[in-house]
C-alpha atoms as a PDB file:
ATOM      1  CA  MET A   1     -60.485  61.154 -25.081  1.00  0.00           C
ATOM      2  CA  ASN A   2     -60.354  63.366 -22.028  1.00  0.00           C
ATOM      3  CA  THR A   3     -57.005  65.175 -21.901  1.00  0.00           C
ATOM      4  CA  LYS A   4     -56.136  68.191 -19.824  1.00  0.00           C
ATOM      5  CA  ARG A   5     -54.681  71.223 -21.526  1.00  0.00           C
ATOM      6  CA  ARG A   6     -52.430  73.696 -19.832  1.00  0.00           C
ATOM      7  CA  LEU A   7     -51.737  77.237 -20.849  1.00  0.00           C
ATOM      8  CA  ARG A   8     -48.041  77.956 -20.754  1.00  0.00           C
ATOM      9  CA  THR A   9     -46.538  81.391 -20.980  1.00  0.00           C
ATOM     10  CA  LEU A  10     -42.959  82.314 -21.689  1.00  0.00           C
ATOM     11  CA  SER A  11     -42.952  85.209 -19.249  1.00  0.00           C
ATOM     12  CA  PRO A  12     -44.453  85.406 -15.764  1.00  0.00           C
ATOM     13  CA  LEU A  13     -47.794  87.157 -15.570  1.00  0.00           C
ATOM     14  CA  LYS A  14     -47.824  90.461 -13.729  1.00  0.00           C
ATOM     15  CA  SER A  15     -50.637  91.689 -11.548  1.00  0.00           C
ATOM     16  CA  TYR A  16     -52.590  94.754 -12.641  1.00  0.00           C
ATOM     17  CA  PRO A  17     -51.613  97.328 -11.577  1.00  0.00           C
ATOM     18  CA  GLY A  18     -47.995  96.346 -11.143  1.00  0.00           C
ATOM     19  CA  LYS A  19     -46.536  96.138  -7.674  1.00  0.00           C
ATOM     20  CA  SER A  20     -44.736  99.276  -6.558  1.00  0.00           C
ATOM     21  CA  SER A  21     -41.316  99.022  -4.967  1.00  0.00           C
ATOM     22  CA  GLY A  22     -41.818 102.299  -3.110  1.00  0.00           C
ATOM     23  CA  LEU A  23     -38.543 103.676  -4.503  1.00  0.00           C
ATOM     24  CA  ARG A  24     -39.776 104.364  -7.998  1.00  0.00           C
ATOM     25  CA  ASN A  25     -40.433 108.109  -7.962  1.00  0.00           C
ATOM     26  CA  GLN A  26     -39.149 109.405  -4.661  1.00  0.00           C
ATOM     27  CA  GLY A  27     -37.141 112.163  -6.314  1.00  0.00           C
ATOM     28  CA  SER A  28     -40.182 113.487  -8.175  1.00  0.00           C
ATOM     29  CA  ARG A  29     -42.345 114.058  -5.091  1.00  0.00           C
ATOM     30  CA  ASP A  30     -40.870 117.497  -4.475  1.00  0.00           C
ATOM     31  CA  ARG A  31     -41.426 118.754  -8.020  1.00  0.00           C
ATOM     32  CA  GLU A  32     -44.503 120.631  -9.168  1.00  0.00           C
ATOM     33  CA  PRO A  33     -46.838 118.760 -11.538  1.00  0.00           C
ATOM     34  CA  ALA A  34     -46.023 119.441 -15.190  1.00  0.00           C
ATOM     35  CA  TRP A  35     -49.628 119.202 -16.413  1.00  0.00           C
ATOM     36  CA  GLU A  36     -53.257 119.169 -15.234  1.00  0.00           C
ATOM     37  CA  ILE A  37     -56.395 117.665 -16.785  1.00  0.00           C
ATOM     38  CA  ALA A  38     -59.934 118.335 -15.529  1.00  0.00           C
ATOM     39  CA  LEU A  39     -62.692 115.775 -16.203  1.00  0.00           C
ATOM     40  CA  SER A  40     -66.295 116.733 -15.552  1.00  0.00           C
ATOM     41  CA  GLY A  41     -69.535 114.912 -16.291  1.00  0.00           C
ATOM     42  CA  ASP A  42     -70.093 111.285 -17.225  1.00  0.00           C
ATOM     43  CA  LEU A  43     -67.211 109.461 -18.868  1.00  0.00           C
ATOM     44  CA  GLY A  44     -68.424 108.014 -22.153  1.00  0.00           C
ATOM     45  CA  ASP A  45     -67.122 105.322 -24.480  1.00  0.00           C
ATOM     46  CA  LYS A  46     -66.022 107.881 -27.056  1.00  0.00           C
ATOM     47  CA  GLU A  47     -63.654 110.066 -25.065  1.00  0.00           C
ATOM     48  CA  THR A  48     -61.352 110.715 -28.037  1.00  0.00           C
ATOM     49  CA  ASP A  49     -60.335 114.171 -26.781  1.00  0.00           C
ATOM     50  CA  LEU A  50     -59.249 112.731 -23.427  1.00  0.00           C
ATOM     51  CA  VAL A  51     -57.345 109.861 -25.053  1.00  0.00           C
ATOM     52  CA  SER A  52     -55.517 112.191 -27.460  1.00  0.00           C
ATOM     53  CA  ARG A  53     -54.568 114.567 -24.617  1.00  0.00           C
ATOM     54  CA  ILE A  54     -53.095 111.708 -22.562  1.00  0.00           C
ATOM     55  CA  VAL A  55     -51.211 110.274 -25.553  1.00  0.00           C
ATOM     56  CA  GLU A  56     -49.650 113.710 -26.204  1.00  0.00           C
ATOM     57  CA  LEU A  57     -48.250 113.940 -22.647  1.00  0.00           C
ATOM     58  CA  PRO A  58     -44.513 113.298 -22.254  1.00  0.00           C
ATOM     59  CA  ARG A  59     -43.830 109.698 -21.242  1.00  0.00           C
ATOM     60  CA  GLY A  60     -43.040 109.402 -17.532  1.00  0.00           C
ATOM     61  CA  SER A  61     -44.162 112.956 -16.749  1.00  0.00           C
ATOM     62  CA  ARG A  62     -45.923 114.045 -13.574  1.00  0.00           C
ATOM     63  CA  GLY A  63     -49.339 115.689 -13.380  1.00  0.00           C
ATOM     64  CA  THR A  64     -52.768 115.913 -11.795  1.00  0.00           C
ATOM     65  CA  ILE A  65     -56.174 114.731 -13.027  1.00  0.00           C
ATOM     66  CA  TYR A  66     -59.192 116.396 -11.412  1.00  0.00           C
ATOM     67  CA  PHE A  67     -62.387 114.304 -11.440  1.00  0.00           C
ATOM     68  CA  ASP A  68     -65.831 115.906 -11.180  1.00  0.00           C
ATOM     69  CA  SER A  69     -67.825 112.939 -12.424  1.00  0.00           C
ATOM     70  CA  PRO A  70     -70.655 110.804 -11.056  1.00  0.00           C
ATOM     71  CA  GLY A  71     -69.316 107.848 -13.048  1.00  0.00           C
ATOM     72  CA  GLY A  72     -69.810 106.636 -16.569  1.00  0.00           C
ATOM     73  CA  SER A  73     -68.530 103.897 -18.812  1.00  0.00           C
ATOM     74  CA  VAL A  74     -66.357 101.172 -17.324  1.00  0.00           C
ATOM     75  CA  TYR A  75     -64.539 100.938 -20.654  1.00  0.00           C
ATOM     76  CA  ALA A  76     -63.631 104.646 -20.531  1.00  0.00           C
ATOM     77  CA  GLY A  77     -62.233 104.176 -17.017  1.00  0.00           C
ATOM     78  CA  LEU A  78     -60.202 101.140 -18.066  1.00  0.00           C
ATOM     79  CA  THR A  79     -58.893 103.029 -21.097  1.00  0.00           C
ATOM     80  CA  LEU A  80     -57.824 105.913 -18.880  1.00  0.00           C
ATOM     81  CA  ALA A  81     -56.090 103.581 -16.400  1.00  0.00           C
ATOM     82  CA  SER A  82     -54.362 101.606 -19.172  1.00  0.00           C
ATOM     83  CA  LEU A  83     -53.032 104.733 -20.878  1.00  0.00           C
ATOM     84  CA  ILE A  84     -51.688 106.099 -17.606  1.00  0.00           C
ATOM     85  CA  ARG A  85     -49.914 102.816 -16.935  1.00  0.00           C
ATOM     86  CA  LEU A  86     -48.577 102.297 -20.472  1.00  0.00           C
ATOM     87  CA  ARG A  87     -47.233 105.864 -20.668  1.00  0.00           C
ATOM     88  CA  LYS A  88     -45.715 105.477 -17.159  1.00  0.00           C
ATOM     89  CA  LEU A  89     -47.331 108.717 -16.014  1.00  0.00           C
ATOM     90  CA  ASN A  90     -47.004 109.774 -12.388  1.00  0.00           C
ATOM     91  CA  VAL A  91     -50.574 110.928 -11.715  1.00  0.00           C
ATOM     92  CA  ALA A  92     -52.270 112.337  -8.641  1.00  0.00           C
ATOM     93  CA  GLY A  93     -56.042 111.924  -8.976  1.00  0.00           C
ATOM     94  CA  VAL A  94     -58.254 114.423  -7.153  1.00  0.00           C
ATOM     95  CA  ALA A  95     -61.968 113.671  -6.843  1.00  0.00           C
END
């Protein structure tokens, strides 16, 4: 029997990263960043120090991440991006 199956979700799927309305953080543009993190060297799969530092940041806070890296693990980059999004951090990345 050849039947087609459909995947149904209860909520609409959102694109990654979520679409910005442009009005989200206009008031915070004039403030100084509350924190700074510097990353240098290759990003590896076991960046536990980096993950713990991001988790400790106040939710929704504003800061800067400085990158001095030739690259590294895709999984480490996805982890970094996911944590920033889940914690709703307002980040300026400087390479």
